[in-house]
Protein backbone atom coordinates (compact mmCIF):
# COMPACT_ATOMS: atom_id res chain seq x y z
CA MET A 1 0.15 -0.08 -0.04
CA MET A 2 2.80 2.47 0.95
CA SER A 3 4.61 1.68 -2.35
CA LYS A 4 1.46 2.57 -4.45
CA ILE A 5 1.33 5.90 -2.61
CA ILE A 6 4.72 6.57 -3.22
CA ASN A 7 4.37 5.61 -6.96
CA LEU A 8 1.41 7.80 -7.39
CA CYS A 9 3.38 10.71 -5.71
CA LEU A 10 6.30 10.27 -7.97
CA SER A 11 3.95 9.87 -11.19
CA VAL A 12 1.88 13.15 -10.33
CA LEU A 13 5.59 15.03 -9.52
CA PHE A 14 6.73 13.72 -13.11
CA LEU A 15 3.65 14.75 -15.06
CA SER A 16 3.92 18.10 -13.33
CA CYS A 17 7.38 18.41 -14.53
CA LEU A 18 6.45 17.32 -18.09
CA ILE A 19 3.63 19.84 -18.21
CA ALA A 20 5.88 22.78 -16.89
CA CYS A 21 8.50 21.95 -19.41
CA HIS A 22 5.92 21.88 -22.35
CA ARG A 23 4.70 25.45 -21.62
CA SER A 24 5.59 28.43 -23.72
CA PRO A 25 8.35 30.65 -22.02
CA VAL A 26 7.41 33.84 -20.65
CA LEU A 27 7.70 36.50 -23.34
CA LYS A 28 10.11 39.34 -22.35
CA ASP A 29 11.73 42.36 -24.22
CA PHE A 30 9.53 42.29 -27.31
CA THR A 31 7.93 44.65 -29.51
CA TYR A 32 4.43 43.81 -30.94
CA ARG A 33 3.11 45.74 -34.07
CA TYR A 34 -0.44 45.32 -35.27
CA SER A 35 -1.85 46.99 -38.25
CA MET A 36 -5.53 46.80 -39.92
CA GLU A 37 -6.19 48.31 -43.14
CA SER A 38 -8.92 48.50 -45.74
CA ILE A 39 -6.76 49.66 -48.68
CA ASN A 40 -7.93 53.37 -49.92
CA ASN A 41 -10.40 53.60 -46.88
CA PHE A 42 -8.68 53.47 -43.43
CA LYS A 43 -5.66 52.20 -41.50
CA VAL A 44 -5.03 51.69 -37.81
CA GLU A 45 -1.65 50.79 -36.39
CA PHE A 46 -0.52 49.96 -33.07
CA GLN A 47 2.79 49.40 -31.43
CA LEU A 48 3.60 47.86 -27.99
CA ASN A 49 7.10 48.58 -26.75
CA PRO A 50 9.18 46.48 -24.07
CA ASP A 51 8.77 49.23 -21.63
CA SER A 52 4.97 49.19 -21.81
CA THR A 53 4.60 52.18 -23.92
CA TYR A 54 2.36 51.89 -27.02
CA GLN A 55 1.49 54.12 -29.85
CA ILE A 56 -1.53 53.95 -31.90
CA GLY A 57 -2.10 55.81 -35.30
CA GLN A 58 -5.52 56.07 -36.84
CA TYR A 59 -5.72 57.05 -40.80
CA ASN A 60 -9.05 57.52 -42.54
CA TYR A 61 -7.98 57.85 -46.25
CA PHE A 62 -11.40 57.96 -47.62
CA PHE A 63 -12.56 61.16 -45.74
CA ASP A 64 -9.14 62.49 -45.98
CA LYS A 65 -9.21 62.33 -49.98
CA TYR A 66 -12.55 63.91 -49.84
CA GLU A 67 -11.55 66.98 -47.76
CA GLY A 68 -8.42 67.30 -49.52
CA LYS A 69 -6.07 66.98 -46.40
CA ALA A 70 -4.74 64.27 -44.08
CA LYS A 71 -5.94 64.27 -40.64
CA PRO A 72 -4.81 61.42 -38.59
CA ILE A 73 -5.23 60.94 -35.11
CA PHE A 74 -2.40 59.56 -32.75
CA LYS A 75 -2.48 58.26 -29.31
CA GLU A 76 0.43 57.42 -26.88
CA GLY A 77 0.34 55.99 -23.28
CA LYS A 78 1.49 53.44 -21.15
CA LEU A 79 -0.12 50.14 -20.29
CA THR A 80 -0.90 49.17 -16.78
CA ARG A 81 0.90 45.90 -15.62
CA ASP A 82 -2.28 44.10 -15.99
CA GLU A 83 -2.63 45.34 -19.69
CA PHE A 84 0.90 44.56 -20.53
CA ASP A 85 0.75 41.05 -18.86
CA ARG A 86 -2.34 40.32 -20.86
CA PHE A 87 -0.81 41.35 -24.25
CA ALA A 88 2.26 39.16 -23.37
CA GLY A 89 0.02 36.30 -22.39
CA LEU A 90 -1.97 36.39 -25.53
CA ILE A 91 1.17 36.92 -27.73
CA THR A 92 2.69 33.78 -26.21
CA GLY A 93 -0.38 31.89 -26.47
CA SER A 94 -1.04 32.70 -30.09
CA GLN A 95 2.41 31.09 -31.04
CA LEU A 96 3.01 33.53 -33.95
CA GLU A 97 6.30 31.91 -34.50
CA LYS A 98 4.63 28.58 -35.78
CA MET A 99 2.14 30.26 -37.79
CA ASN A 100 2.36 30.83 -41.66
CA ASP A 101 3.79 34.23 -43.00
CA SER A 102 0.54 34.66 -44.85
CA TYR A 103 -3.14 33.54 -45.07
CA GLY A 104 -5.63 34.21 -47.78
CA PHE A 105 -3.30 35.80 -50.40
CA ASP A 106 -2.90 32.69 -52.29
CA ARG A 107 -6.33 32.63 -54.17
CA GLY A 108 -7.25 35.19 -56.70
CA GLY A 109 -9.60 37.84 -55.60
CA ASP A 110 -10.38 41.40 -55.04
CA THR A 111 -8.17 42.61 -52.09
CA ASP A 112 -9.25 46.35 -52.63
CA ASN A 113 -12.31 46.16 -50.22
CA SER A 114 -10.62 43.42 -48.03
CA ILE A 115 -9.46 44.13 -44.62
CA ILE A 116 -5.63 43.10 -44.29
CA TYR A 117 -4.05 42.66 -40.78
CA VAL A 118 -0.36 42.57 -40.37
CA ILE A 119 1.14 41.31 -37.17
CA GLU A 120 4.87 41.60 -36.20
CA LEU A 121 6.56 40.37 -33.29
CA LYS A 122 10.16 41.31 -32.82
CA HIS A 123 11.81 39.26 -30.09
CA ASN A 124 15.58 38.35 -29.49
CA GLU A 125 16.53 40.36 -32.61
CA GLN A 126 14.46 38.41 -34.85
CA SER A 127 11.15 39.43 -36.48
CA LYS A 128 8.23 37.39 -37.37
CA PHE A 129 5.48 38.63 -39.62
CA VAL A 130 2.04 37.16 -40.26
CA SER A 131 -0.04 38.91 -42.93
CA VAL A 132 -4.02 38.07 -43.11
CA ASN A 133 -6.56 38.91 -45.87
CA SER A 134 -9.73 38.53 -43.55
CA SER A 135 -12.07 38.42 -46.61
CA MET A 136 -10.99 34.74 -47.49
CA ASP A 137 -12.16 31.83 -45.41
CA GLU A 138 -8.88 30.91 -44.35
CA TYR A 139 -8.70 28.83 -40.90
CA LEU A 140 -6.74 30.97 -38.15
CA PRO A 141 -5.99 29.50 -34.85
CA ASP A 142 -8.33 30.61 -31.98
CA SER A 143 -5.42 31.73 -29.87
CA PHE A 144 -4.35 34.20 -33.06
CA ASN A 145 -7.89 35.18 -33.32
CA ARG A 146 -8.13 36.19 -29.42
CA LEU A 147 -4.96 38.18 -29.90
CA ILE A 148 -6.61 40.11 -32.86
CA THR A 149 -9.87 40.58 -30.95
CA PHE A 150 -8.25 41.78 -27.83
CA THR A 151 -5.86 44.09 -29.74
CA GLY A 152 -8.77 45.67 -31.63
CA GLY A 153 -10.67 46.21 -28.47
CA PHE A 154 -7.96 47.72 -26.80
CA ILE A 155 -7.37 50.29 -29.67
CA SER A 156 -11.00 51.02 -29.66
CA ASP A 157 -11.28 51.62 -26.08
CA LYS A 158 -8.08 54.08 -26.15
CA MET A 159 -9.09 56.03 -29.27
CA GLU A 160 -12.59 56.46 -28.05
CA ARG A 161 -11.41 58.45 -25.31
CA VAL A 162 -9.43 60.75 -27.74
CA GLU A 163 -12.38 61.68 -29.81
């Protein structure tokens, strides 16, 4: 009976070690860039820096052409520790480094009215880009979609306070 308990404890300890070893490492000192664009209509850019500062740029090409002058809106700030940790967790969880470089561009089609996402993660002096044509029905990992959704919501929240 005692040997069964010892074996059970050792098995649990071994499994715990295996699970811990397979978890993604904590992301540190990275730069995350996000861009969402509808060609000739609008573009939103976001950059998150290693020091928790961020920049957002919002461009409305359609109305700028109509009015004859560009009026981009910019916002800068610093994330709270919780916001930064949330971004880091979503970026790590998305496993961008394992994704293809592009999705939805290999088939013919009209990209003029498509929404294009470009994500860049710079970490350890290496950059990984992922480009997505959202009008194509291309499968994207749920973890990547969560990152895109959270980033878009964050931008909307911060830009709503500017207007």
